[in-house]
Amino acid sequence: MKRYMADVTPTKRPMTQTTEKNRAVYLVEFFGKYSLAAITTESIAQYRDARLAGEDRLKKGVAQPRAANTVRLDLALIGHLFIVAVKEWGLGLPYNPVLNLRRPSPGLAAIAT
């Protein structure tokens, strides 16, 4: 993730850079102890479920669930990280584990706009 943030994120628009830096905090916190090769579809599903349940954000001991679209964008970021790692960095990863994962349905507000 550090390499992605140093090499890829600066090529994006300033607003996108800011949001990716914010999203990366949660991804690094959850996946920081793993190498890319050790991240599986199951571990990404655990991340997805924890974010949707709000386990990463507690207020007065109560979980604050994340919006489905927030989690979809998190998954898009880690999915792109795997694409870049395979195609540009030459890492010999067998597959992108995000591709085999169900994503949360977009919210009604996202469909209306």
N, C-alpha and C. Protein backbone atom coordinates (compact mmCIF):
# COMPACT_ATOMS: atom_id res chain seq x y z
N MET A 1 0.83 -1.18 0.00
CA MET A 1 0.00 0.00 0.00
C MET A 1 0.88 1.25 0.00
N LYS A 2 2.00 1.18 0.72
CA LYS A 2 2.89 2.34 0.76
C LYS A 2 3.43 2.66 -0.63
N ARG A 3 3.80 1.62 -1.36
CA ARG A 3 4.32 1.85 -2.71
C ARG A 3 3.23 2.41 -3.62
N TYR A 4 2.03 1.90 -3.51
CA TYR A 4 0.90 2.40 -4.30
C TYR A 4 0.66 3.88 -4.00
N MET A 5 0.68 4.21 -2.71
CA MET A 5 0.44 5.61 -2.31
C MET A 5 1.56 6.52 -2.79
N ALA A 6 2.77 6.01 -2.89
CA ALA A 6 3.90 6.82 -3.35
C ALA A 6 3.98 6.92 -4.87
N ASP A 7 3.63 5.84 -5.58
CA ASP A 7 3.81 5.82 -7.03
C ASP A 7 2.55 6.14 -7.83
N VAL A 8 1.41 5.63 -7.40
CA VAL A 8 0.19 5.73 -8.20
C VAL A 8 -0.69 6.90 -7.78
N THR A 9 -0.91 7.06 -6.50
CA THR A 9 -1.82 8.10 -6.02
C THR A 9 -1.42 9.50 -6.47
N PRO A 10 -0.15 9.88 -6.49
CA PRO A 10 0.20 11.23 -6.94
C PRO A 10 -0.15 11.53 -8.40
N THR A 11 -0.42 10.51 -9.19
CA THR A 11 -0.79 10.74 -10.60
C THR A 11 -2.27 11.06 -10.75
N LYS A 12 -3.01 10.99 -9.67
CA LYS A 12 -4.46 11.22 -9.72
C LYS A 12 -4.79 12.66 -9.34
N ARG A 13 -6.05 13.03 -9.54
CA ARG A 13 -6.49 14.38 -9.20
C ARG A 13 -6.34 14.64 -7.70
N PRO A 14 -6.15 15.90 -7.32
CA PRO A 14 -5.92 16.22 -5.89
C PRO A 14 -7.01 15.71 -4.96
N MET A 15 -8.26 15.83 -5.34
CA MET A 15 -9.34 15.36 -4.48
C MET A 15 -9.29 13.84 -4.31
N THR A 16 -8.97 13.13 -5.38
CA THR A 16 -8.85 11.68 -5.31
C THR A 16 -7.66 11.29 -4.44
N GLN A 17 -6.58 12.03 -4.52
CA GLN A 17 -5.42 11.75 -3.68
C GLN A 17 -5.80 11.82 -2.21
N THR A 18 -6.54 12.85 -1.86
CA THR A 18 -6.95 13.03 -0.46
C THR A 18 -7.82 11.88 0.02
N THR A 19 -8.81 11.50 -0.79
CA THR A 19 -9.70 10.41 -0.35
C THR A 19 -8.97 9.08 -0.31
N GLU A 20 -8.04 8.85 -1.24
CA GLU A 20 -7.28 7.60 -1.21
C GLU A 20 -6.40 7.52 0.03
N LYS A 21 -5.81 8.63 0.42
CA LYS A 21 -4.99 8.64 1.63
C LYS A 21 -5.83 8.29 2.85
N ASN A 22 -7.05 8.82 2.90
CA ASN A 22 -7.95 8.51 4.02
C ASN A 22 -8.36 7.05 4.01
N ARG A 23 -8.68 6.51 2.85
CA ARG A 23 -9.08 5.11 2.74
C ARG A 23 -7.92 4.17 3.08
N ALA A 24 -6.73 4.57 2.70
CA ALA A 24 -5.55 3.73 2.92
C ALA A 24 -5.30 3.49 4.40
N VAL A 25 -5.68 4.43 5.25
CA VAL A 25 -5.48 4.27 6.69
C VAL A 25 -6.17 2.99 7.18
N TYR A 26 -7.42 2.78 6.78
CA TYR A 26 -8.16 1.61 7.22
C TYR A 26 -7.62 0.33 6.59
N LEU A 27 -7.22 0.42 5.33
CA LEU A 27 -6.66 -0.75 4.65
C LEU A 27 -5.35 -1.18 5.28
N VAL A 28 -4.49 -0.22 5.57
CA VAL A 28 -3.19 -0.53 6.20
C VAL A 28 -3.42 -1.08 7.61
N GLU A 29 -4.37 -0.51 8.32
CA GLU A 29 -4.65 -0.98 9.67
C GLU A 29 -5.10 -2.44 9.66
N PHE A 30 -5.92 -2.81 8.68
CA PHE A 30 -6.45 -4.17 8.63
C PHE A 30 -5.47 -5.15 7.99
N PHE A 31 -4.85 -4.75 6.87
CA PHE A 31 -4.01 -5.66 6.10
C PHE A 31 -2.51 -5.42 6.28
N GLY A 32 -2.11 -4.50 7.12
CA GLY A 32 -0.71 -4.13 7.26
C GLY A 32 0.23 -5.26 7.64
N LYS A 33 -0.27 -6.24 8.32
CA LYS A 33 0.59 -7.35 8.76
C LYS A 33 0.74 -8.44 7.70
N TYR A 34 0.05 -8.30 6.57
CA TYR A 34 0.09 -9.30 5.51
C TYR A 34 0.87 -8.80 4.29
N SER A 35 1.50 -9.72 3.58
CA SER A 35 2.05 -9.38 2.26
C SER A 35 0.89 -9.49 1.27
N LEU A 36 1.06 -8.93 0.07
CA LEU A 36 -0.01 -9.01 -0.92
C LEU A 36 -0.33 -10.46 -1.26
N ALA A 37 0.67 -11.32 -1.30
CA ALA A 37 0.46 -12.72 -1.63
C ALA A 37 -0.37 -13.44 -0.56
N ALA A 38 -0.35 -12.94 0.66
CA ALA A 38 -1.08 -13.59 1.75
C ALA A 38 -2.53 -13.12 1.86
N ILE A 39 -2.89 -12.07 1.15
CA ILE A 39 -4.26 -11.55 1.22
C ILE A 39 -5.14 -12.41 0.33
N THR A 40 -6.19 -12.95 0.92
CA THR A 40 -7.10 -13.85 0.21
C THR A 40 -8.47 -13.20 0.07
N THR A 41 -9.31 -13.84 -0.73
CA THR A 41 -10.69 -13.37 -0.87
C THR A 41 -11.39 -13.41 0.49
N GLU A 42 -11.09 -14.41 1.29
CA GLU A 42 -11.72 -14.54 2.60
C GLU A 42 -11.32 -13.38 3.52
N SER A 43 -10.04 -12.99 3.49
CA SER A 43 -9.62 -11.89 4.35
C SER A 43 -10.22 -10.56 3.89
N ILE A 44 -10.37 -10.39 2.59
CA ILE A 44 -11.01 -9.17 2.09
C ILE A 44 -12.49 -9.18 2.44
N ALA A 45 -13.12 -10.34 2.43
CA ALA A 45 -14.52 -10.44 2.85
C ALA A 45 -14.67 -10.08 4.33
N GLN A 46 -13.70 -10.50 5.15
CA GLN A 46 -13.73 -10.13 6.57
C GLN A 46 -13.61 -8.62 6.73
N TYR A 47 -12.73 -8.01 5.93
CA TYR A 47 -12.58 -6.55 5.96
C TYR A 47 -13.89 -5.88 5.56
N ARG A 48 -14.49 -6.35 4.47
CA ARG A 48 -15.76 -5.80 3.99
C ARG A 48 -16.83 -5.87 5.08
N ASP A 49 -16.97 -7.04 5.69
CA ASP A 49 -18.00 -7.24 6.70
C ASP A 49 -17.75 -6.38 7.94
N ALA A 50 -16.48 -6.25 8.33
CA ALA A 50 -16.15 -5.43 9.50
C ALA A 50 -16.45 -3.96 9.23
N ARG A 51 -16.14 -3.49 8.03
CA ARG A 51 -16.43 -2.08 7.67
C ARG A 51 -17.93 -1.83 7.61
N LEU A 52 -18.67 -2.75 7.01
CA LEU A 52 -20.13 -2.58 6.94
C LEU A 52 -20.76 -2.58 8.32
N ALA A 53 -20.22 -3.38 9.23
CA ALA A 53 -20.74 -3.45 10.59
C ALA A 53 -20.29 -2.28 11.45
N GLY A 54 -19.26 -1.56 11.00
CA GLY A 54 -18.77 -0.42 11.76
C GLY A 54 -17.85 -0.80 12.89
N GLU A 55 -17.27 -1.99 12.83
CA GLU A 55 -16.40 -2.45 13.90
C GLU A 55 -15.12 -1.61 14.02
N ASP A 56 -14.77 -0.89 12.97
CA ASP A 56 -13.57 -0.06 13.00
C ASP A 56 -13.84 1.32 13.59
N ARG A 57 -15.12 1.64 13.80
CA ARG A 57 -15.47 2.97 14.29
C ARG A 57 -16.50 2.82 15.41
N LEU A 58 -16.05 3.11 16.61
CA LEU A 58 -16.93 2.98 17.78
C LEU A 58 -17.17 4.36 18.40
N LYS A 59 -18.41 4.62 18.74
CA LYS A 59 -18.76 5.83 19.48
C LYS A 59 -19.48 5.39 20.75
N LYS A 60 -18.85 5.68 21.87
CA LYS A 60 -19.39 5.29 23.18
C LYS A 60 -19.66 3.79 23.23
N GLY A 61 -18.77 3.01 22.61
CA GLY A 61 -18.87 1.56 22.65
C GLY A 61 -19.85 0.97 21.65
N VAL A 62 -20.48 1.81 20.82
CA VAL A 62 -21.45 1.33 19.83
C VAL A 62 -20.85 1.46 18.44
N ALA A 63 -20.93 0.38 17.66
CA ALA A 63 -20.39 0.39 16.30
C ALA A 63 -21.20 1.33 15.42
N GLN A 64 -20.52 2.07 14.58
CA GLN A 64 -21.15 2.99 13.62
C GLN A 64 -20.94 2.41 12.22
N PRO A 65 -21.97 1.75 11.65
CA PRO A 65 -21.81 1.11 10.35
C PRO A 65 -21.40 2.10 9.25
N ARG A 66 -20.61 1.61 8.30
CA ARG A 66 -20.19 2.39 7.15
C ARG A 66 -21.21 2.22 6.03
N ALA A 67 -21.34 3.23 5.20
CA ALA A 67 -22.25 3.16 4.05
C ALA A 67 -21.72 2.13 3.06
N ALA A 68 -22.63 1.49 2.35
CA ALA A 68 -22.25 0.48 1.37
C ALA A 68 -21.32 1.06 0.31
N ASN A 69 -21.57 2.28 -0.12
CA ASN A 69 -20.73 2.88 -1.16
C ASN A 69 -19.32 3.15 -0.64
N THR A 70 -19.19 3.49 0.62
CA THR A 70 -17.86 3.68 1.21
C THR A 70 -17.06 2.39 1.12
N VAL A 71 -17.69 1.29 1.45
CA VAL A 71 -17.01 0.00 1.41
C VAL A 71 -16.72 -0.39 -0.05
N ARG A 72 -17.62 -0.09 -0.96
CA ARG A 72 -17.37 -0.37 -2.39
C ARG A 72 -16.13 0.38 -2.86
N LEU A 73 -15.97 1.62 -2.45
CA LEU A 73 -14.80 2.41 -2.85
C LEU A 73 -13.53 1.87 -2.21
N ASP A 74 -13.62 1.39 -0.97
CA ASP A 74 -12.46 0.74 -0.33
C ASP A 74 -12.03 -0.48 -1.14
N LEU A 75 -13.01 -1.29 -1.55
CA LEU A 75 -12.71 -2.49 -2.32
C LEU A 75 -12.14 -2.14 -3.69
N ALA A 76 -12.62 -1.05 -4.29
CA ALA A 76 -12.08 -0.61 -5.57
C ALA A 76 -10.61 -0.22 -5.44
N LEU A 77 -10.27 0.44 -4.35
CA LEU A 77 -8.89 0.85 -4.13
C LEU A 77 -7.97 -0.36 -3.97
N ILE A 78 -8.34 -1.31 -3.14
CA ILE A 78 -7.48 -2.48 -2.96
C ILE A 78 -7.45 -3.33 -4.22
N GLY A 79 -8.55 -3.37 -4.96
CA GLY A 79 -8.56 -4.10 -6.22
C GLY A 79 -7.60 -3.49 -7.23
N HIS A 80 -7.58 -2.16 -7.29
CA HIS A 80 -6.65 -1.49 -8.21
C HIS A 80 -5.21 -1.69 -7.76
N LEU A 81 -4.99 -1.74 -6.47
CA LEU A 81 -3.65 -2.03 -5.96
C LEU A 81 -3.16 -3.38 -6.50
N PHE A 82 -4.01 -4.39 -6.49
CA PHE A 82 -3.62 -5.70 -7.01
C PHE A 82 -3.38 -5.64 -8.52
N ILE A 83 -4.19 -4.91 -9.25
CA ILE A 83 -4.00 -4.78 -10.70
C ILE A 83 -2.65 -4.16 -11.01
N VAL A 84 -2.33 -3.08 -10.32
CA VAL A 84 -1.04 -2.40 -10.54
C VAL A 84 0.12 -3.30 -10.13
N ALA A 85 -0.04 -4.00 -9.02
CA ALA A 85 1.03 -4.88 -8.54
C ALA A 85 1.35 -5.98 -9.55
N VAL A 86 0.34 -6.53 -10.19
CA VAL A 86 0.56 -7.60 -11.15
C VAL A 86 1.06 -7.05 -12.48
N LYS A 87 0.39 -6.04 -13.01
CA LYS A 87 0.70 -5.55 -14.35
C LYS A 87 1.95 -4.68 -14.42
N GLU A 88 2.15 -3.81 -13.46
CA GLU A 88 3.24 -2.85 -13.56
C GLU A 88 4.45 -3.21 -12.71
N TRP A 89 4.21 -3.78 -11.54
CA TRP A 89 5.32 -4.08 -10.65
C TRP A 89 5.86 -5.48 -10.84
N GLY A 90 5.17 -6.29 -11.62
CA GLY A 90 5.65 -7.63 -11.93
C GLY A 90 5.59 -8.61 -10.78
N LEU A 91 4.74 -8.37 -9.81
CA LEU A 91 4.61 -9.33 -8.72
C LEU A 91 3.87 -10.55 -9.24
N GLY A 92 4.36 -11.70 -8.92
CA GLY A 92 3.79 -12.94 -9.44
C GLY A 92 2.59 -13.42 -8.66
N LEU A 93 1.59 -12.59 -8.53
CA LEU A 93 0.38 -12.98 -7.81
C LEU A 93 -0.51 -13.80 -8.73
N PRO A 94 -1.11 -14.87 -8.23
CA PRO A 94 -1.91 -15.74 -9.09
C PRO A 94 -3.22 -15.11 -9.57
N TYR A 95 -3.81 -14.23 -8.77
CA TYR A 95 -5.08 -13.62 -9.13
C TYR A 95 -5.35 -12.42 -8.25
N ASN A 96 -6.35 -11.66 -8.61
CA ASN A 96 -6.80 -10.51 -7.83
C ASN A 96 -7.94 -10.99 -6.94
N PRO A 97 -7.75 -11.11 -5.64
CA PRO A 97 -8.79 -11.67 -4.77
C PRO A 97 -10.05 -10.81 -4.69
N VAL A 98 -9.97 -9.57 -5.05
CA VAL A 98 -11.15 -8.69 -4.99
C VAL A 98 -12.14 -9.06 -6.09
N LEU A 99 -11.65 -9.61 -7.20
CA LEU A 99 -12.54 -9.95 -8.31
C LEU A 99 -13.51 -11.07 -7.96
N ASN A 100 -13.17 -11.90 -6.99
CA ASN A 100 -14.02 -13.03 -6.60
C ASN A 100 -14.92 -12.70 -5.41
N LEU A 101 -15.14 -11.44 -5.15
CA LEU A 101 -15.83 -11.02 -3.94
C LEU A 101 -17.13 -10.29 -4.28
N ARG A 102 -18.17 -10.59 -3.52
CA ARG A 102 -19.42 -9.83 -3.67
C ARG A 102 -19.22 -8.44 -3.07
N ARG A 103 -19.66 -7.45 -3.78
CA ARG A 103 -19.58 -6.08 -3.29
C ARG A 103 -20.94 -5.68 -2.74
N PRO A 104 -20.96 -4.77 -1.77
CA PRO A 104 -22.24 -4.29 -1.26
C PRO A 104 -23.03 -3.60 -2.37
N SER A 105 -24.34 -3.72 -2.28
CA SER A 105 -25.19 -3.04 -3.27
C SER A 105 -25.06 -1.54 -3.09
N PRO A 106 -25.05 -0.79 -4.21
CA PRO A 106 -24.98 0.66 -4.06
C PRO A 106 -26.25 1.17 -3.39
N GLY A 107 -26.12 2.23 -2.62
CA GLY A 107 -27.26 2.79 -1.92
C GLY A 107 -28.25 3.44 -2.89
N LEU A 108 -29.44 3.68 -2.43
CA LEU A 108 -30.46 4.30 -3.27
C LEU A 108 -30.06 5.72 -3.69
N ALA A 109 -29.34 6.43 -2.82
CA ALA A 109 -28.91 7.78 -3.17
C ALA A 109 -27.94 7.75 -4.34
N ALA A 110 -27.11 6.71 -4.40
CA ALA A 110 -26.16 6.61 -5.50
C ALA A 110 -26.86 6.30 -6.81
N ILE A 111 -27.97 5.56 -6.76
CA ILE A 111 -28.71 5.23 -7.97
C ILE A 111 -29.48 6.45 -8.47
N ALA A 112 -30.02 7.26 -7.55
CA ALA A 112 -30.83 8.42 -7.92
C ALA A 112 -30.02 9.51 -8.59
N THR A 113 -28.72 9.59 -8.27
CA THR A 113 -27.91 10.69 -8.84
C THR A 113 -27.32 10.34 -10.15
